[in-house]
Amino acid sequence: MLDVAVLGQRVAPGFPASLWVRATDASTHARLAGIRLAAVPDASLLSVVAMEPTSAGGWAELSATAVGLAVSLTLHALSPDGRTGDWEGGLHMSPGAAIVRTRARWLPDEEPEVEVIAPGTQRIVYLEIDNARGRAWAAHVSLAGNADGMSGARARGPKLPPGLYWAAAAADAMGATKLERGTSVRPFFVASSDDAAFAFGEETAECAPPSDGRETSRALAACLAMTAATPVPRWVALDGFSMERAKDAHARFLGLVIALGAILVAALLEGTLVLRAAASSRASLSATHAVIEKDQTIARVSGVAVALLVALLGFALFAAFLVRAG
């Protein structure tokens, strides 16, 4: 039986991803060592390379480079005694994501270094380091073009207390907060030794020091591959925008008053124009001098009203422009 875990959970198209495969006996669930793995060719995969046969703990690493967004992977396993097994499934893709690299373990007195490699068109990336409680460090990192057409940079975070951390790279802070598409994540430990690092692992069954010290680095990477990054809850202590929000609210109120005033003036102006037009029509159709005089008076009064209302409408529009510009 085969189980597959992606280091960092996500695969960025065009970049090699680290896949960790665990081989166990289907009936006894015992870990199987010496299992050789081979991938069935697929159009969505540029390459799949098996590093070594499975270790005593049943783990083996594969390097897979995907070129599509809907990626399926089929693995064929062969044991030394001739038994076979297969695994087929899909990989969780993160389109447009950069690739994040760092060591599996850093010492508490070291500043963790994180390498970011992104598509050549990207010039800046948001990088943060999280733990289970929240964000421990963050920065915007400028990327420089490489000879291979990619962009890359290295950044150093602060010294961190012992524990399990995730380095997340995204286009902006919101992408890293919610682990949206285009985000890459890489887990790592901060511990004084490899044995101490295993204690911070999430999977107790997988995160244990191996009996063979030569397998420690592989076991540590497999432990990290079983680590699931989850969106970290955030809260705002101080955002510094309360006065700006008050100004915006006042501007919106003034804009609303001016807009309603302009509508009222426009309605009065339209009514006055209708009355003036009616008076002019009556004057042209009336035969008596008295009616003509009366309608001419109405026309003169309405003319003055039209002029005043047009002026008020102009002032209202000018005031709206000033509120919008200010």
Protein backbone atom coordinates (compact mmCIF):
# COMPACT_ATOMS: atom_id res chain seq x y z
CA MET A 1 0.00 0.00 0.00
CA LEU A 2 1.31 3.45 -0.93
CA ASP A 3 0.59 6.83 0.62
CA VAL A 4 1.79 10.12 -0.90
CA ALA A 5 2.42 13.45 0.85
CA VAL A 6 3.61 16.68 -0.77
CA LEU A 7 6.14 18.69 1.21
CA GLY A 8 4.33 22.00 1.66
CA GLN A 9 1.03 20.47 0.46
CA ARG A 10 1.03 22.39 -2.83
CA VAL A 11 2.74 21.98 -6.17
CA ALA A 12 3.73 25.02 -8.24
CA PRO A 13 3.54 24.39 -12.00
CA GLY A 14 6.96 24.41 -13.64
CA PHE A 15 8.91 23.85 -10.42
CA PRO A 16 10.17 20.57 -8.93
CA ALA A 17 8.07 19.45 -5.98
CA SER A 18 9.18 17.12 -3.19
CA LEU A 19 6.83 14.13 -2.87
CA TRP A 20 7.20 11.66 -0.02
CA VAL A 21 5.84 8.16 -0.53
CA ARG A 22 5.23 5.69 2.29
CA ALA A 23 5.12 1.97 1.50
CA THR A 24 3.34 -0.40 3.90
CA ASP A 25 2.14 -3.97 3.76
CA ALA A 26 -1.59 -4.03 2.98
CA SER A 27 -2.33 -6.83 5.45
CA THR A 28 0.06 -6.22 8.34
CA HIS A 29 0.59 -2.46 7.84
CA ALA A 30 4.28 -2.98 8.44
CA ARG A 31 6.67 -0.51 6.84
CA LEU A 32 8.41 -1.87 3.77
CA ALA A 33 12.05 -1.07 3.01
CA GLY A 34 13.81 -1.33 -0.33
CA ILE A 35 10.69 -0.61 -2.42
CA ARG A 36 11.52 0.91 -5.79
CA LEU A 37 9.07 3.41 -7.24
CA ALA A 38 8.39 4.38 -10.84
CA ALA A 39 5.89 6.88 -12.23
CA VAL A 40 3.65 6.14 -15.19
CA PRO A 41 4.26 8.79 -17.91
CA ASP A 42 1.58 11.49 -17.99
CA ALA A 43 1.16 14.57 -20.20
CA SER A 44 0.69 16.80 -17.14
CA LEU A 45 4.06 15.82 -15.68
CA LEU A 46 7.33 17.00 -17.12
CA SER A 47 9.39 14.61 -15.00
CA VAL A 48 9.19 12.36 -11.96
CA VAL A 49 12.47 11.16 -10.46
CA ALA A 50 12.72 8.68 -7.59
CA MET A 51 15.68 9.51 -5.39
CA GLU A 52 16.25 6.19 -3.55
CA PRO A 53 14.31 3.06 -2.55
CA THR A 54 12.21 3.29 0.59
CA SER A 55 14.06 3.47 3.88
CA ALA A 56 13.59 1.27 6.93
CA GLY A 57 10.71 3.54 7.88
CA GLY A 58 9.04 2.90 4.52
CA TRP A 59 9.61 6.40 3.12
CA ALA A 60 11.06 7.45 -0.24
CA GLU A 61 11.34 10.88 -1.87
CA LEU A 62 10.34 11.70 -5.43
CA SER A 63 10.96 14.91 -7.33
CA ALA A 64 8.03 15.77 -9.63
CA THR A 65 7.73 18.72 -12.03
CA ALA A 66 4.18 19.44 -13.19
CA VAL A 67 3.31 21.49 -16.27
CA GLY A 68 -0.48 21.61 -15.98
CA LEU A 69 -3.17 22.55 -13.48
CA ALA A 70 -5.04 19.24 -13.45
CA VAL A 71 -2.24 16.86 -12.57
CA SER A 72 -2.69 13.14 -11.98
CA LEU A 73 0.09 10.90 -10.74
CA THR A 74 0.32 7.12 -11.01
CA LEU A 75 3.07 5.29 -9.14
CA HIS A 76 4.12 1.68 -9.53
CA ALA A 77 5.97 -0.01 -6.66
CA LEU A 78 8.15 -3.10 -6.82
CA SER A 79 9.52 -4.87 -3.74
CA PRO A 80 12.76 -6.91 -3.67
CA ASP A 81 10.73 -10.14 -3.40
CA GLY A 82 8.66 -9.32 -6.50
CA ARG A 83 5.48 -7.96 -4.92
CA THR A 84 3.90 -4.96 -6.66
CA GLY A 85 1.55 -2.13 -5.78
CA ASP A 86 0.10 0.97 -7.38
CA TRP A 87 -1.08 4.38 -6.30
CA GLU A 88 -3.07 6.87 -8.38
CA GLY A 89 -4.27 10.31 -7.38
CA GLY A 90 -4.18 14.04 -8.08
CA LEU A 91 -1.80 16.71 -6.82
CA HIS A 92 -2.94 19.94 -5.21
CA MET A 93 -1.79 22.65 -7.63
CA SER A 94 -1.18 26.31 -6.83
CA PRO A 95 -1.16 28.22 -10.17
CA GLY A 96 1.30 31.10 -10.40
CA ALA A 97 2.96 30.24 -7.11
CA ALA A 98 6.62 30.69 -6.36
CA ILE A 99 8.71 27.93 -4.86
CA VAL A 100 9.97 28.27 -1.30
CA ARG A 101 13.13 26.56 -0.08
CA THR A 102 14.70 26.41 3.34
CA ARG A 103 16.45 23.92 5.59
CA ALA A 104 14.40 21.34 7.44
CA ARG A 105 15.84 22.52 10.78
CA TRP A 106 17.36 25.74 12.07
CA LEU A 107 19.02 26.36 15.41
CA PRO A 108 17.36 28.79 17.85
CA ASP A 109 20.38 31.11 17.65
CA GLU A 110 20.30 31.18 13.81
CA GLU A 111 18.37 33.51 11.53
CA PRO A 112 16.42 31.22 9.16
CA GLU A 113 17.18 31.88 5.50
CA VAL A 114 14.37 31.39 2.98
CA GLU A 115 14.91 31.23 -0.78
CA VAL A 116 12.08 32.22 -3.12
CA ILE A 117 12.06 31.43 -6.85
CA ALA A 118 9.22 32.78 -8.96
CA PRO A 119 8.30 33.09 -12.64
CA GLY A 120 10.43 35.66 -14.47
CA THR A 121 7.61 38.21 -14.75
CA GLN A 122 7.26 38.53 -10.97
CA ARG A 123 9.40 41.21 -9.34
CA ILE A 124 8.17 41.27 -5.75
CA VAL A 125 6.75 38.66 -3.40
CA TYR A 126 5.22 38.76 0.05
CA LEU A 127 7.00 36.38 2.43
CA GLU A 128 6.01 35.54 5.97
CA ILE A 129 6.88 33.00 8.66
CA ASP A 130 4.02 31.62 10.74
CA ASN A 131 3.61 29.29 13.67
CA ALA A 132 0.47 27.85 15.24
CA ARG A 133 -0.22 31.12 17.11
CA GLY A 134 0.11 33.51 14.20
CA ARG A 135 2.59 35.48 12.13
CA ALA A 136 6.14 35.56 13.49
CA TRP A 137 7.75 37.66 10.74
CA ALA A 138 6.86 39.15 7.34
CA ALA A 139 8.43 41.24 4.59
CA HIS A 140 8.08 42.18 0.93
CA VAL A 141 11.03 40.73 -0.95
CA SER A 142 12.31 42.15 -4.24
CA LEU A 143 13.19 39.50 -6.80
CA ALA A 144 16.08 39.68 -9.25
CA GLY A 145 16.11 38.01 -12.65
CA ASN A 146 18.23 34.90 -13.17
CA ALA A 147 19.96 33.51 -16.22
CA ASP A 148 17.37 30.73 -16.49
CA GLY A 149 14.52 33.23 -16.95
CA MET A 150 13.28 32.96 -13.37
CA SER A 151 13.34 35.52 -10.57
CA GLY A 152 14.75 34.77 -7.17
CA ALA A 153 15.82 36.18 -3.84
CA ARG A 154 16.95 35.12 -0.38
CA ALA A 155 15.63 36.62 2.83
CA ARG A 156 16.59 36.11 6.45
CA GLY A 157 14.05 36.12 9.23
CA PRO A 158 14.70 36.82 12.90
CA LYS A 159 15.88 34.31 15.45
CA LEU A 160 12.92 32.18 16.45
CA PRO A 161 12.10 30.16 19.57
CA PRO A 162 11.97 26.37 19.17
CA GLY A 163 8.91 25.05 17.38
CA LEU A 164 7.27 24.22 14.06
CA TYR A 165 7.03 27.02 11.49
CA TRP A 166 5.78 27.62 7.95
CA ALA A 167 7.37 29.93 5.41
CA ALA A 168 4.62 31.19 3.07
CA ALA A 169 5.16 33.13 -0.17
CA ALA A 170 2.30 34.89 -1.97
CA ALA A 171 1.51 37.93 -4.07
CA ASP A 172 0.16 39.80 -1.03
CA ALA A 173 -0.55 39.39 2.67
CA MET A 174 -4.13 38.24 2.10
CA GLY A 175 -2.97 35.38 -0.09
CA ALA A 176 -0.63 34.15 2.62
CA THR A 177 -3.25 34.62 5.35
CA LYS A 178 -5.92 32.56 3.60
CA LEU A 179 -3.53 30.24 1.73
CA GLU A 180 -5.17 31.25 -1.54
CA ARG A 181 -4.17 30.16 -5.04
CA GLY A 182 -0.70 31.37 -5.92
CA THR A 183 0.61 30.68 -2.42
CA SER A 184 3.46 28.30 -1.60
CA VAL A 185 4.22 26.97 1.87
CA ARG A 186 7.31 25.28 3.27
CA PRO A 187 7.40 23.88 6.84
CA PHE A 188 10.56 23.80 8.94
CA PHE A 189 11.65 23.24 12.51
CA VAL A 190 13.57 25.42 14.91
CA ALA A 191 15.24 23.12 17.41
CA SER A 192 18.59 22.49 19.05
CA SER A 193 18.84 18.99 17.54
CA ASP A 194 17.04 16.67 15.15
CA ASP A 195 15.74 14.56 18.03
CA ALA A 196 14.32 17.68 19.66
CA ALA A 197 12.70 18.71 16.36
CA PHE A 198 10.71 15.47 16.13
CA ALA A 199 8.86 16.47 19.30
CA PHE A 200 7.27 19.42 17.46
CA GLY A 201 5.85 17.23 14.66
CA GLU A 202 2.10 16.96 14.23
CA GLU A 203 2.04 13.24 13.35
CA THR A 204 3.25 11.29 16.38
CA ALA A 205 3.51 8.03 14.46
CA GLU A 206 5.70 9.60 11.77
CA CYS A 207 7.65 12.13 13.80
CA ALA A 208 9.89 9.87 15.84
CA PRO A 209 13.68 9.50 15.73
CA PRO A 210 14.63 6.48 13.60
CA SER A 211 16.59 3.61 15.04
CA ASP A 212 19.25 4.11 12.36
CA GLY A 213 20.89 7.51 12.75
CA ARG A 214 21.71 7.58 9.04
CA GLU A 215 17.97 7.87 8.31
CA THR A 216 17.44 10.93 10.51
CA SER A 217 17.42 13.56 7.75
CA ARG A 218 14.99 11.53 5.62
CA ALA A 219 12.72 10.87 8.61
CA LEU A 220 12.74 14.58 9.49
CA ALA A 221 11.71 15.53 5.94
CA ALA A 222 8.96 12.89 5.95
CA CYS A 223 7.71 14.30 9.26
CA LEU A 224 7.50 17.77 7.69
CA ALA A 225 5.70 16.34 4.66
CA MET A 226 2.95 15.14 6.99
CA THR A 227 2.56 18.65 8.39
CA ALA A 228 -0.61 20.39 7.26
CA ALA A 229 -0.48 24.18 7.07
CA THR A 230 -3.78 25.85 7.95
CA PRO A 231 -4.84 29.50 7.66
CA VAL A 232 -3.77 31.33 10.80
CA PRO A 233 -6.51 33.37 12.53
CA ARG A 234 -5.71 37.08 12.55
CA TRP A 235 -6.93 39.96 14.66
CA VAL A 236 -6.25 43.71 14.44
CA ALA A 237 -4.82 45.45 17.47
CA LEU A 238 -4.27 48.85 15.82
CA ASP A 239 -4.69 49.74 12.18
CA GLY A 240 -4.04 53.54 12.27
CA PHE A 241 -6.92 54.35 9.92
CA SER A 242 -9.70 55.41 12.35
CA MET A 243 -9.26 59.15 11.56
CA GLU A 244 -9.15 58.42 7.84
CA ARG A 245 -12.37 56.43 8.12
CA ALA A 246 -14.02 59.37 9.93
CA LYS A 247 -12.91 61.74 7.16
CA ASP A 248 -14.23 59.36 4.52
CA ALA A 249 -17.56 59.07 6.33
CA HIS A 250 -17.87 62.88 6.52
CA ALA A 251 -17.03 63.21 2.84
CA ARG A 252 -19.62 60.57 1.96
CA PHE A 253 -22.23 62.44 4.03
CA LEU A 254 -21.45 65.75 2.30
CA GLY A 255 -21.54 64.06 -1.07
CA LEU A 256 -24.93 62.54 -0.30
CA VAL A 257 -26.35 65.90 0.84
CA ILE A 258 -25.03 67.65 -2.25
CA ALA A 259 -26.33 64.92 -4.53
CA LEU A 260 -29.81 65.04 -3.00
CA GLY A 261 -29.75 68.85 -3.15
CA ALA A 262 -28.74 68.74 -6.81
CA ILE A 263 -31.59 66.33 -7.53
CA LEU A 264 -34.04 68.65 -5.76
CA VAL A 265 -32.77 71.68 -7.70
CA ALA A 266 -33.00 69.75 -10.95
CA ALA A 267 -36.60 68.74 -10.14
CA LEU A 268 -37.56 72.35 -9.40
CA LEU A 269 -35.80 73.47 -12.57
CA GLU A 270 -37.68 70.95 -14.66
CA GLY A 271 -41.01 71.97 -13.09
CA THR A 272 -40.28 75.66 -13.74
CA LEU A 273 -39.39 74.96 -17.35
CA VAL A 274 -42.65 73.07 -17.79
CA LEU A 275 -44.64 75.97 -16.31
CA ARG A 276 -42.80 78.46 -18.52
CA ALA A 277 -43.46 76.41 -21.60
CA ALA A 278 -47.14 76.15 -20.67
CA ALA A 279 -47.39 79.92 -20.12
CA SER A 280 -45.76 80.64 -23.47
CA SER A 281 -48.17 78.30 -25.20
CA ARG A 282 -51.17 79.94 -23.56
CA ALA A 283 -49.89 83.42 -24.48
CA SER A 284 -49.57 82.45 -28.14
CA LEU A 285 -53.08 81.02 -28.19
CA SER A 286 -54.87 83.68 -26.10
CA ALA A 287 -56.83 86.48 -27.79
CA THR A 288 -57.39 88.92 -24.93
CA HIS A 289 -54.88 91.50 -23.80
CA ALA A 290 -55.39 90.66 -20.10
CA VAL A 291 -54.51 87.03 -20.56
CA ILE A 292 -51.45 87.96 -22.59
CA GLU A 293 -50.24 90.34 -19.87
CA LYS A 294 -50.76 87.67 -17.22
CA ASP A 295 -48.90 85.00 -19.17
CA GLN A 296 -46.06 87.38 -19.96
CA THR A 297 -45.74 88.08 -16.23
CA ILE A 298 -45.59 84.34 -15.55
CA ALA A 299 -43.00 83.93 -18.27
CA ARG A 300 -40.82 86.70 -16.81
CA VAL A 301 -41.05 85.25 -13.28
CA SER A 302 -40.30 81.75 -14.53
CA GLY A 303 -37.35 83.08 -16.53
CA VAL A 304 -35.83 84.55 -13.38
CA ALA A 305 -36.51 81.29 -11.51
CA VAL A 306 -34.85 79.27 -14.28
CA ALA A 307 -31.75 81.45 -14.11
CA LEU A 308 -31.53 81.08 -10.32
CA LEU A 309 -32.08 77.32 -10.43
CA VAL A 310 -29.45 76.85 -13.16
CA ALA A 311 -26.99 78.82 -11.03
CA LEU A 312 -27.83 76.69 -7.95
CA LEU A 313 -27.40 73.50 -9.97
CA GLY A 314 -24.02 74.72 -11.20
CA PHE A 315 -22.91 75.48 -7.61
CA ALA A 316 -24.11 72.03 -6.49
CA LEU A 317 -22.10 70.30 -9.21
CA PHE A 318 -19.04 72.40 -8.37
CA ALA A 319 -19.41 71.52 -4.68
CA ALA A 320 -19.68 67.82 -5.57
CA PHE A 321 -16.46 68.11 -7.56
CA LEU A 322 -14.67 69.72 -4.61
CA VAL A 323 -15.86 67.03 -2.19
CA ARG A 324 -14.74 64.31 -4.62
CA ALA A 325 -11.34 65.92 -5.15
CA GLY A 326 -10.74 66.68 -1.48
